[in-house]
């Protein structure tokens, strides 16, 4: 009777060990998938950072171009004053 109990205990321990190995392989696969996902996110973040940098440079160039051709506030005031003098003379 003790022999049968020990054999059953042996099978239970073998089952638990097998379950632990399966669990370990599962977590190993999950870890590999997580690392792959993190690498893809890092590559995507790098591409987006480059796009953002190019967009900021383009925006700065456009702003500089607008500032170059935008009439300054002083010339607008002088022009308004000239029209005021023309209207006063009439």
PDB file of N, CA and C in Angstrom:
ATOM      1  N   UNK A   1       0.818  -1.189   0.000  1.00  0.00           N
ATOM      2  CA  UNK A   1       0.000   0.000   0.000  1.00  0.00           C
ATOM      3  C   UNK A   1       0.861   1.253   0.000  1.00  0.00           C
ATOM      4  N   UNK A   2       1.945   1.252   0.770  1.00  0.00           N
ATOM      5  CA  UNK A   2       2.862   2.377   0.804  1.00  0.00           C
ATOM      6  C   UNK A   2       3.489   2.591  -0.563  1.00  0.00           C
ATOM      7  N   UNK A   3       3.726   1.492  -1.299  1.00  0.00           N
ATOM      8  CA  UNK A   3       4.320   1.578  -2.630  1.00  0.00           C
ATOM      9  C   UNK A   3       3.383   2.339  -3.576  1.00  0.00           C
ATOM     10  N   UNK A   4       2.088   2.039  -3.526  1.00  0.00           N
ATOM     11  CA  UNK A   4       1.119   2.731  -4.397  1.00  0.00           C
ATOM     12  C   UNK A   4       1.021   4.213  -4.039  1.00  0.00           C
ATOM     13  N   UNK A   5       1.085   4.537  -2.778  1.00  0.00           N
ATOM     14  CA  UNK A   5       1.044   5.932  -2.333  1.00  0.00           C
ATOM     15  C   UNK A   5       2.258   6.684  -2.840  1.00  0.00           C
ATOM     16  N   UNK A   6       3.418   6.052  -2.764  1.00  0.00           N
ATOM     17  CA  UNK A   6       4.639   6.702  -3.251  1.00  0.00           C
ATOM     18  C   UNK A   6       4.606   6.875  -4.771  1.00  0.00           C
ATOM     19  N   UNK A   7       4.067   5.919  -5.490  1.00  0.00           N
ATOM     20  CA  UNK A   7       3.949   6.030  -6.949  1.00  0.00           C
ATOM     21  C   UNK A   7       2.985   7.172  -7.310  1.00  0.00           C
ATOM     22  N   UNK A   8       1.864   7.267  -6.606  1.00  0.00           N
ATOM     23  CA  UNK A   8       0.920   8.374  -6.852  1.00  0.00           C
ATOM     24  C   UNK A   8       1.562   9.719  -6.534  1.00  0.00           C
ATOM     25  N   UNK A   9       2.306   9.794  -5.448  1.00  0.00           N
ATOM     26  CA  UNK A   9       3.002  11.023  -5.085  1.00  0.00           C
ATOM     27  C   UNK A   9       4.039  11.374  -6.139  1.00  0.00           C
ATOM     28  N   UNK A  10       4.727  10.376  -6.675  1.00  0.00           N
ATOM     29  CA  UNK A  10       5.710  10.594  -7.735  1.00  0.00           C
ATOM     30  C   UNK A  10       5.040  11.174  -8.973  1.00  0.00           C
ATOM     31  N   UNK A  11       3.887  10.603  -9.379  1.00  0.00           N
ATOM     32  CA  UNK A  11       3.177  11.119 -10.549  1.00  0.00           C
ATOM     33  C   UNK A  11       2.666  12.554 -10.327  1.00  0.00           C
ATOM     34  N   UNK A  12       2.231  12.845  -9.111  1.00  0.00           N
ATOM     35  CA  UNK A  12       1.778  14.205  -8.791  1.00  0.00           C
ATOM     36  C   UNK A  12       2.941  15.178  -8.907  1.00  0.00           C
ATOM     37  N   UNK A  13       4.095  14.804  -8.383  1.00  0.00           N
ATOM     38  CA  UNK A  13       5.270  15.676  -8.466  1.00  0.00           C
ATOM     39  C   UNK A  13       5.733  15.851  -9.911  1.00  0.00           C
ATOM     40  N   UNK A  14       5.685  14.788 -10.692  1.00  0.00           N
ATOM     41  CA  UNK A  14       6.040  14.891 -12.113  1.00  0.00           C
ATOM     42  C   UNK A  14       5.061  15.825 -12.822  1.00  0.00           C
ATOM     43  N   UNK A  15       3.776  15.727 -12.514  1.00  0.00           N
ATOM     44  CA  UNK A  15       2.768  16.612 -13.106  1.00  0.00           C
ATOM     45  C   UNK A  15       3.006  18.062 -12.739  1.00  0.00           C
ATOM     46  N   UNK A  16       3.321  18.313 -11.483  1.00  0.00           N
ATOM     47  CA  UNK A  16       3.600  19.684 -11.036  1.00  0.00           C
ATOM     48  C   UNK A  16       4.841  20.228 -11.735  1.00  0.00           C
ATOM     49  N   UNK A  17       5.867  19.389 -11.871  1.00  0.00           N
ATOM     50  CA  UNK A  17       7.088  19.813 -12.566  1.00  0.00           C
ATOM     51  C   UNK A  17       6.793  20.124 -14.030  1.00  0.00           C
ATOM     52  N   UNK A  18       6.006  19.306 -14.675  1.00  0.00           N
ATOM     53  CA  UNK A  18       5.632  19.563 -16.066  1.00  0.00           C
ATOM     54  C   UNK A  18       4.850  20.850 -16.203  1.00  0.00           C
ATOM     55  N   UNK A  19       3.944  21.086 -15.270  1.00  0.00           N
ATOM     56  CA  UNK A  19       3.177  22.324 -15.294  1.00  0.00           C
ATOM     57  C   UNK A  19       4.088  23.530 -15.114  1.00  0.00           C
ATOM     58  N   UNK A  20       5.082  23.421 -14.234  1.00  0.00           N
ATOM     59  CA  UNK A  20       6.012  24.523 -14.022  1.00  0.00           C
ATOM     60  C   UNK A  20       6.858  24.779 -15.269  1.00  0.00           C
ATOM     61  N   UNK A  21       7.283  23.713 -15.955  1.00  0.00           N
ATOM     62  CA  UNK A  21       8.029  23.900 -17.198  1.00  0.00           C
ATOM     63  C   UNK A  21       7.165  24.587 -18.260  1.00  0.00           C
ATOM     64  N   UNK A  22       5.913  24.158 -18.369  1.00  0.00           N
ATOM     65  CA  UNK A  22       5.013  24.788 -19.344  1.00  0.00           C
ATOM     66  C   UNK A  22       4.820  26.262 -19.008  1.00  0.00           C
ATOM     67  N   UNK A  23       4.657  26.566 -17.762  1.00  0.00           N
ATOM     68  CA  UNK A  23       4.491  27.945 -17.307  1.00  0.00           C
ATOM     69  C   UNK A  23       5.741  28.761 -17.619  1.00  0.00           C
ATOM     70  N   UNK A  24       6.932  28.161 -17.393  1.00  0.00           N
ATOM     71  CA  UNK A  24       8.189  28.839 -17.671  1.00  0.00           C
ATOM     72  C   UNK A  24       8.340  29.123 -19.166  1.00  0.00           C
ATOM     73  N   UNK A  25       7.993  28.154 -20.032  1.00  0.00           N
ATOM     74  CA  UNK A  25       8.064  28.373 -21.476  1.00  0.00           C
ATOM     75  C   UNK A  25       7.078  29.446 -21.924  1.00  0.00           C
ATOM     76  N   UNK A  26       5.902  29.460 -21.303  1.00  0.00           N
ATOM     77  CA  UNK A  26       4.905  30.476 -21.636  1.00  0.00           C
ATOM     78  C   UNK A  26       5.436  31.871 -21.317  1.00  0.00           C
ATOM     79  N   UNK A  27       6.002  32.038 -20.130  1.00  0.00           N
ATOM     80  CA  UNK A  27       6.538  33.348 -19.764  1.00  0.00           C
ATOM     81  C   UNK A  27       7.738  33.730 -20.611  1.00  0.00           C
ATOM     82  N   UNK A  28       8.530  32.780 -21.034  1.00  0.00           N
ATOM     83  CA  UNK A  28       9.653  33.061 -21.924  1.00  0.00           C
ATOM     84  C   UNK A  28       9.149  33.588 -23.267  1.00  0.00           C
ATOM     85  N   UNK A  29       8.096  32.967 -23.795  1.00  0.00           N
ATOM     86  CA  UNK A  29       7.534  33.414 -25.065  1.00  0.00           C
ATOM     87  C   UNK A  29       6.919  34.809 -24.923  1.00  0.00           C
ATOM     88  N   UNK A  30       6.219  35.045 -23.827  1.00  0.00           N
ATOM     89  CA  UNK A  30       5.628  36.361 -23.578  1.00  0.00           C
ATOM     90  C   UNK A  30       6.727  37.423 -23.475  1.00  0.00           C
ATOM     91  N   UNK A  31       7.832  37.077 -22.819  1.00  0.00           N
ATOM     92  CA  UNK A  31       8.946  38.022 -22.685  1.00  0.00           C
ATOM     93  C   UNK A  31       9.553  38.350 -24.044  1.00  0.00           C
ATOM     94  N   UNK A  32       9.728  37.347 -24.905  1.00  0.00           N
ATOM     95  CA  UNK A  32      10.263  37.598 -26.251  1.00  0.00           C
ATOM     96  C   UNK A  32       9.323  38.495 -27.052  1.00  0.00           C
ATOM     97  N   UNK A  33       8.022  38.232 -26.957  1.00  0.00           N
ATOM     98  CA  UNK A  33       7.042  39.066 -27.674  1.00  0.00           C
ATOM     99  C   UNK A  33       7.064  40.503 -27.162  1.00  0.00           C
ATOM    100  N   UNK A  34       7.200  40.663 -25.865  1.00  0.00           N
ATOM    101  CA  UNK A  34       7.252  42.006 -25.275  1.00  0.00           C
ATOM    102  C   UNK A  34       8.491  42.757 -25.748  1.00  0.00           C
ATOM    103  N   UNK A  35       9.637  42.068 -25.790  1.00  0.00           N
ATOM    104  CA  UNK A  35      10.865  42.707 -26.256  1.00  0.00           C
ATOM    105  C   UNK A  35      10.760  43.099 -27.726  1.00  0.00           C
ATOM    106  N   UNK A  36      10.139  42.230 -28.533  1.00  0.00           N
ATOM    107  CA  UNK A  36       9.954  42.543 -29.944  1.00  0.00           C
ATOM    108  C   UNK A  36       9.049  43.765 -30.107  1.00  0.00           C
ATOM    109  N   UNK A  37       8.004  43.822 -29.301  1.00  0.00           N
ATOM    110  CA  UNK A  37       7.075  44.954 -29.357  1.00  0.00           C
ATOM    111  C   UNK A  37       7.767  46.248 -28.922  1.00  0.00           C
ATOM    112  N   UNK A  38       8.585  46.180 -27.892  1.00  0.00           N
ATOM    113  CA  UNK A  38       9.312  47.366 -27.425  1.00  0.00           C
ATOM    114  C   UNK A  38      10.272  47.850 -28.506  1.00  0.00           C
ATOM    115  N   UNK A  39      10.964  46.928 -29.178  1.00  0.00           N
ATOM    116  CA  UNK A  39      11.874  47.330 -30.259  1.00  0.00           C
ATOM    117  C   UNK A  39      11.114  48.006 -31.388  1.00  0.00           C
ATOM    118  N   UNK A  40       9.943  47.482 -31.750  1.00  0.00           N
ATOM    119  CA  UNK A  40       9.160  48.105 -32.818  1.00  0.00           C
ATOM    120  C   UNK A  40       8.670  49.485 -32.384  1.00  0.00           C
ATOM    121  N   UNK A  41       8.287  49.640 -31.127  1.00  0.00           N
ATOM    122  CA  UNK A  41       7.875  50.956 -30.635  1.00  0.00           C
ATOM    123  C   UNK A  41       9.032  51.941 -30.632  1.00  0.00           C
ATOM    124  N   UNK A  42      10.234  51.477 -30.295  1.00  0.00           N
ATOM    125  CA  UNK A  42      11.401  52.357 -30.318  1.00  0.00           C
ATOM    126  C   UNK A  42      11.713  52.811 -31.740  1.00  0.00           C
ATOM    127  N   UNK A  43      11.620  51.882 -32.711  1.00  0.00           N
ATOM    128  CA  UNK A  43      11.855  52.266 -34.105  1.00  0.00           C
ATOM    129  C   UNK A  43      10.811  53.279 -34.575  1.00  0.00           C
ATOM    130  N   UNK A  44       9.560  53.046 -34.202  1.00  0.00           N
ATOM    131  CA  UNK A  44       8.492  53.967 -34.599  1.00  0.00           C
ATOM    132  C   UNK A  44       8.696  55.337 -33.954  1.00  0.00           C
ATOM    133  N   UNK A  45       9.090  55.367 -32.696  1.00  0.00           N
ATOM    134  CA  UNK A  45       9.338  56.636 -32.008  1.00  0.00           C
ATOM    135  C   UNK A  45      10.485  57.384 -32.663  1.00  0.00           C
ATOM    136  N   UNK A  46      11.507  56.651 -33.105  1.00  0.00           N
ATOM    137  CA  UNK A  46      12.637  57.293 -33.785  1.00  0.00           C
ATOM    138  C   UNK A  46      12.187  57.903 -35.110  1.00  0.00           C
ATOM    139  N   UNK A  47      11.366  57.159 -35.873  1.00  0.00           N
ATOM    140  CA  UNK A  47      10.852  57.703 -37.144  1.00  0.00           C
ATOM    141  C   UNK A  47       9.988  58.937 -36.900  1.00  0.00           C
ATOM    142  N   UNK A  48       9.146  58.886 -35.869  1.00  0.00           N
ATOM    143  CA  UNK A  48       8.288  60.028 -35.573  1.00  0.00           C
ATOM    144  C   UNK A  48       9.099  61.228 -35.095  1.00  0.00           C
ATOM    145  N   UNK A  49      10.165  60.986 -34.359  1.00  0.00           N
ATOM    146  CA  UNK A  49      11.021  62.084 -33.916  1.00  0.00           C
ATOM    147  C   UNK A  49      11.686  62.751 -35.118  1.00  0.00           C
ATOM    148  N   UNK A  50      12.121  61.952 -36.100  1.00  0.00           N
ATOM    149  CA  UNK A  50      12.709  62.529 -37.298  1.00  0.00           C
ATOM    150  C   UNK A  50      11.680  63.344 -38.081  1.00  0.00           C
ATOM    151  N   UNK A  51      10.454  62.815 -38.194  1.00  0.00           N
ATOM    152  CA  UNK A  51       9.395  63.563 -38.880  1.00  0.00           C
ATOM    153  C   UNK A  51       9.093  64.876 -38.157  1.00  0.00           C
ATOM    154  N   UNK A  52       9.064  64.838 -36.830  1.00  0.00           N
ATOM    155  CA  UNK A  52       8.806  66.038 -36.049  1.00  0.00           C
ATOM    156  C   UNK A  52       9.916  67.061 -36.258  1.00  0.00           C
ATOM    157  N   UNK A  53      11.150  66.604 -36.279  1.00  0.00           N
ATOM    158  CA  UNK A  53      12.276  67.508 -36.484  1.00  0.00           C
ATOM    159  C   UNK A  53      12.199  68.174 -37.859  1.00  0.00           C
ATOM    160  N   UNK A  54      11.872  67.362 -38.900  1.00  0.00           N
ATOM    161  CA  UNK A  54      11.731  67.940 -40.239  1.00  0.00           C
ATOM    162  C   UNK A  54      10.586  68.938 -40.287  1.00  0.00           C
ATOM    163  N   UNK A  55       9.475  68.631 -39.620  1.00  0.00           N
ATOM    164  CA  UNK A  55       8.325  69.541 -39.605  1.00  0.00           C
ATOM    165  C   UNK A  55       8.668  70.845 -38.888  1.00  0.00           C
ATOM    166  N   UNK A  56       9.415  70.755 -37.787  1.00  0.00           N
ATOM    167  CA  UNK A  56       9.807  71.964 -37.065  1.00  0.00           C
ATOM    168  C   UNK A  56      10.729  72.826 -37.910  1.00  0.00           C
ATOM    169  N   UNK A  57      11.655  72.201 -38.636  1.00  0.00           N
ATOM    170  CA  UNK A  57      12.557  72.962 -39.514  1.00  0.00           C
ATOM    171  C   UNK A  57      11.755  73.645 -40.614  1.00  0.00           C
ATOM    172  N   UNK A  58      10.826  72.918 -41.223  1.00  0.00           N
ATOM    173  CA  UNK A  58       9.994  73.491 -42.276  1.00  0.00           C
ATOM    174  C   UNK A  58       9.142  74.629 -41.740  1.00  0.00           C
ATOM    175  N   UNK A  59       8.593  74.466 -40.545  1.00  0.00           N
ATOM    176  CA  UNK A  59       7.792  75.515 -39.931  1.00  0.00           C
ATOM    177  C   UNK A  59       8.632  76.754 -39.641  1.00  0.00           C
ATOM    178  N   UNK A  60       9.850  76.557 -39.176  1.00  0.00           N
ATOM    179  CA  UNK A  60      10.742  77.690 -38.909  1.00  0.00           C
ATOM    180  C   UNK A  60      11.072  78.420 -40.212  1.00  0.00           C
ATOM    181  N   UNK A  61      11.320  77.660 -41.290  1.00  0.00           N
ATOM    182  CA  UNK A  61      11.602  78.288 -42.580  1.00  0.00           C
ATOM    183  C   UNK A  61      10.398  79.090 -43.068  1.00  0.00           C
ATOM    184  N   UNK A  62       9.202  78.538 -42.926  1.00  0.00           N
ATOM    185  CA  UNK A  62       7.995  79.242 -43.361  1.00  0.00           C
ATOM    186  C   UNK A  62       7.748  80.481 -42.509  1.00  0.00           C
ATOM    187  N   UNK A  63       8.001  80.387 -41.234  1.00  0.00           N
ATOM    188  CA  UNK A  63       7.827  81.553 -40.354  1.00  0.00           C
ATOM    189  C   UNK A  63       8.818  82.651 -40.721  1.00  0.00           C
ATOM    190  N   UNK A  64      10.055  82.257 -41.015  1.00  0.00           N
ATOM    191  CA  UNK A  64      11.055  83.246 -41.425  1.00  0.00           C
ATOM    192  C   UNK A  64      10.647  83.903 -42.737  1.00  0.00           C
ATOM    193  N   UNK A  65      10.120  83.124 -43.654  1.00  0.00           N
ATOM    194  CA  UNK A  65       9.669  83.667 -44.935  1.00  0.00           C
ATOM    195  C   UNK A  65       8.493  84.618 -44.735  1.00  0.00           C
ATOM    196  N   UNK A  66       7.568  84.266 -43.865  1.00  0.00           N
ATOM    197  CA  UNK A  66       6.445  85.155 -43.573  1.00  0.00           C
ATOM    198  C   UNK A  66       6.911  86.450 -42.921  1.00  0.00           C
ATOM    199  N   UNK A  67       7.854  86.370 -42.014  1.00  0.00           N
ATOM    200  CA  UNK A  67       8.382  87.569 -41.367  1.00  0.00           C
ATOM    201  C   UNK A  67       9.087  88.470 -42.374  1.00  0.00           C
ATOM    202  N   UNK A  68       9.697  87.856 -43.358  1.00  0.00           N
ATOM    203  CA  UNK A  68      10.417  88.631 -44.373  1.00  0.00           C
ATOM    204  C   UNK A  68       9.451  89.459 -45.211  1.00  0.00           C
ATOM    205  N   UNK A  69       8.296  88.887 -45.543  1.00  0.00           N
ATOM    206  CA  UNK A  69       7.357  89.570 -46.428  1.00  0.00           C
ATOM    207  C   UNK A  69       6.183  90.224 -45.701  1.00  0.00           C
ATOM    208  N   UNK A  70       6.088  90.081 -44.403  1.00  0.00           N
ATOM    209  CA  UNK A  70       5.007  90.704 -43.649  1.00  0.00           C
ATOM    210  C   UNK A  70       5.312  92.186 -43.469  1.00  0.00           C
ATOM    211  N   UNK A  71       4.336  93.042 -43.742  1.00  0.00           N
ATOM    212  CA  UNK A  71       4.594  94.472 -43.513  1.00  0.00           C
ATOM    213  C   UNK A  71       4.776  94.716 -42.025  1.00  0.00           C
ATOM    214  N   UNK A  72       5.730  95.547 -41.712  1.00  0.00           N
ATOM    215  CA  UNK A  72       6.007  95.795 -40.296  1.00  0.00           C
ATOM    216  C   UNK A  72       4.923  96.699 -39.718  1.00  0.00           C
ATOM    217  N   UNK A  73       4.806  96.713 -38.425  1.00  0.00           N
ATOM    218  CA  UNK A  73       3.780  97.493 -37.741  1.00  0.00           C
ATOM    219  C   UNK A  73       4.043  98.991 -37.899  1.00  0.00           C
ATOM    220  N   UNK A  74       5.315  99.403 -37.944  1.00  0.00           N
ATOM    221  CA  UNK A  74       5.651 100.824 -38.059  1.00  0.00           C
ATOM    222  C   UNK A  74       5.223 101.393 -39.400  1.00  0.00           C
ATOM    223  N   UNK A  75       5.442 100.650 -40.489  1.00  0.00           N
ATOM    224  CA  UNK A  75       5.047 101.161 -41.799  1.00  0.00           C
ATOM    225  C   UNK A  75       3.538 101.245 -41.904  1.00  0.00           C
ATOM    226  N   UNK A  76       2.827 100.340 -41.238  1.00  0.00           N
ATOM    227  CA  UNK A  76       1.367 100.388 -41.232  1.00  0.00           C
ATOM    228  C   UNK A  76       0.863 101.627 -40.505  1.00  0.00           C
ATOM    229  N   UNK A  77       1.515 101.991 -39.403  1.00  0.00           N
ATOM    230  CA  UNK A  77       1.111 103.192 -38.669  1.00  0.00           C
ATOM    231  C   UNK A  77       1.407 104.443 -39.467  1.00  0.00           C
ATOM    232  N   UNK A  78       2.535 104.478 -40.125  1.00  0.00           N
ATOM    233  CA  UNK A  78       2.889 105.648 -40.933  1.00  0.00           C
ATOM    234  C   UNK A  78       1.898 105.809 -42.074  1.00  0.00           C
ATOM    235  N   UNK A  79       1.489 104.728 -42.672  1.00  0.00           N
ATOM    236  CA  UNK A  79       0.523 104.785 -43.763  1.00  0.00           C
ATOM    237  C   UNK A  79      -0.831 105.269 -43.252  1.00  0.00           C
ATOM    238  N   UNK A  80      -1.231 104.806 -42.074  1.00  0.00           N
ATOM    239  CA  UNK A  80      -2.486 105.261 -41.486  1.00  0.00           C
ATOM    240  C   UNK A  80      -2.432 106.755 -41.172  1.00  0.00           C
ATOM    241  N   UNK A  81      -1.300 107.195 -40.683  1.00  0.00           N
ATOM    242  CA  UNK A  81      -1.149 108.625 -40.398  1.00  0.00           C
ATOM    243  C   UNK A  81      -1.239 109.447 -41.680  1.00  0.00           C
ATOM    244  N   UNK A  82      -0.661 108.938 -42.756  1.00  0.00           N
ATOM    245  CA  UNK A  82      -0.721 109.669 -44.029  1.00  0.00           C
ATOM    246  C   UNK A  82      -2.155 109.773 -44.500  1.00  0.00           C
ATOM    247  N   UNK A  83      -2.925 108.744 -44.377  1.00  0.00           N
ATOM    248  CA  UNK A  83      -4.331 108.798 -44.779  1.00  0.00           C
ATOM    249  C   UNK A  83      -5.117 109.729 -43.872  1.00  0.00           C
ATOM    250  N   UNK A  84      -4.774 109.756 -42.599  1.00  0.00           N
ATOM    251  CA  UNK A  84      -5.451 110.674 -41.685  1.00  0.00           C
ATOM    252  C   UNK A  84      -5.199 112.118 -42.087  1.00  0.00           C
ATOM    253  N   UNK A  85      -3.979 112.422 -42.508  1.00  0.00           N
ATOM    254  CA  UNK A  85      -3.660 113.786 -42.939  1.00  0.00           C
ATOM    255  C   UNK A  85      -4.401 114.127 -44.237  1.00  0.00           C
ATOM    256  N   UNK A  86      -4.525 113.155 -45.135  1.00  0.00           N
ATOM    257  CA  UNK A  86      -5.240 113.393 -46.378  1.00  0.00           C
ATOM    258  C   UNK A  86      -6.714 113.670 -46.087  1.00  0.00           C
ATOM    259  N   UNK A  87      -7.305 112.921 -45.188  1.00  0.00           N
ATOM    260  CA  UNK A  87      -8.706 113.115 -44.843  1.00  0.00           C
ATOM    261  C   UNK A  87      -8.936 114.446 -44.129  1.00  0.00           C
ATOM    262  N   UNK A  88      -7.975 114.859 -43.278  1.00  0.00           N
ATOM    263  CA  UNK A  88      -8.114 116.121 -42.573  1.00  0.00           C
ATOM    264  C   UNK A  88      -8.055 117.296 -43.548  1.00  0.00           C
ATOM    265  N   UNK A  89      -7.267 117.207 -44.591  1.00  0.00           N
ATOM    266  CA  UNK A  89      -7.118 118.303 -45.548  1.00  0.00           C
ATOM    267  C   UNK A  89      -8.395 118.468 -46.382  1.00  0.00           C
ATOM    268  N   UNK A  90      -9.166 117.427 -46.550  1.00  0.00           N
ATOM    269  CA  UNK A  90     -10.338 117.545 -47.409  1.00  0.00           C
ATOM    270  C   UNK A  90     -11.456 118.253 -46.780  1.00  0.00           C
TER     271      UNK A  90
END
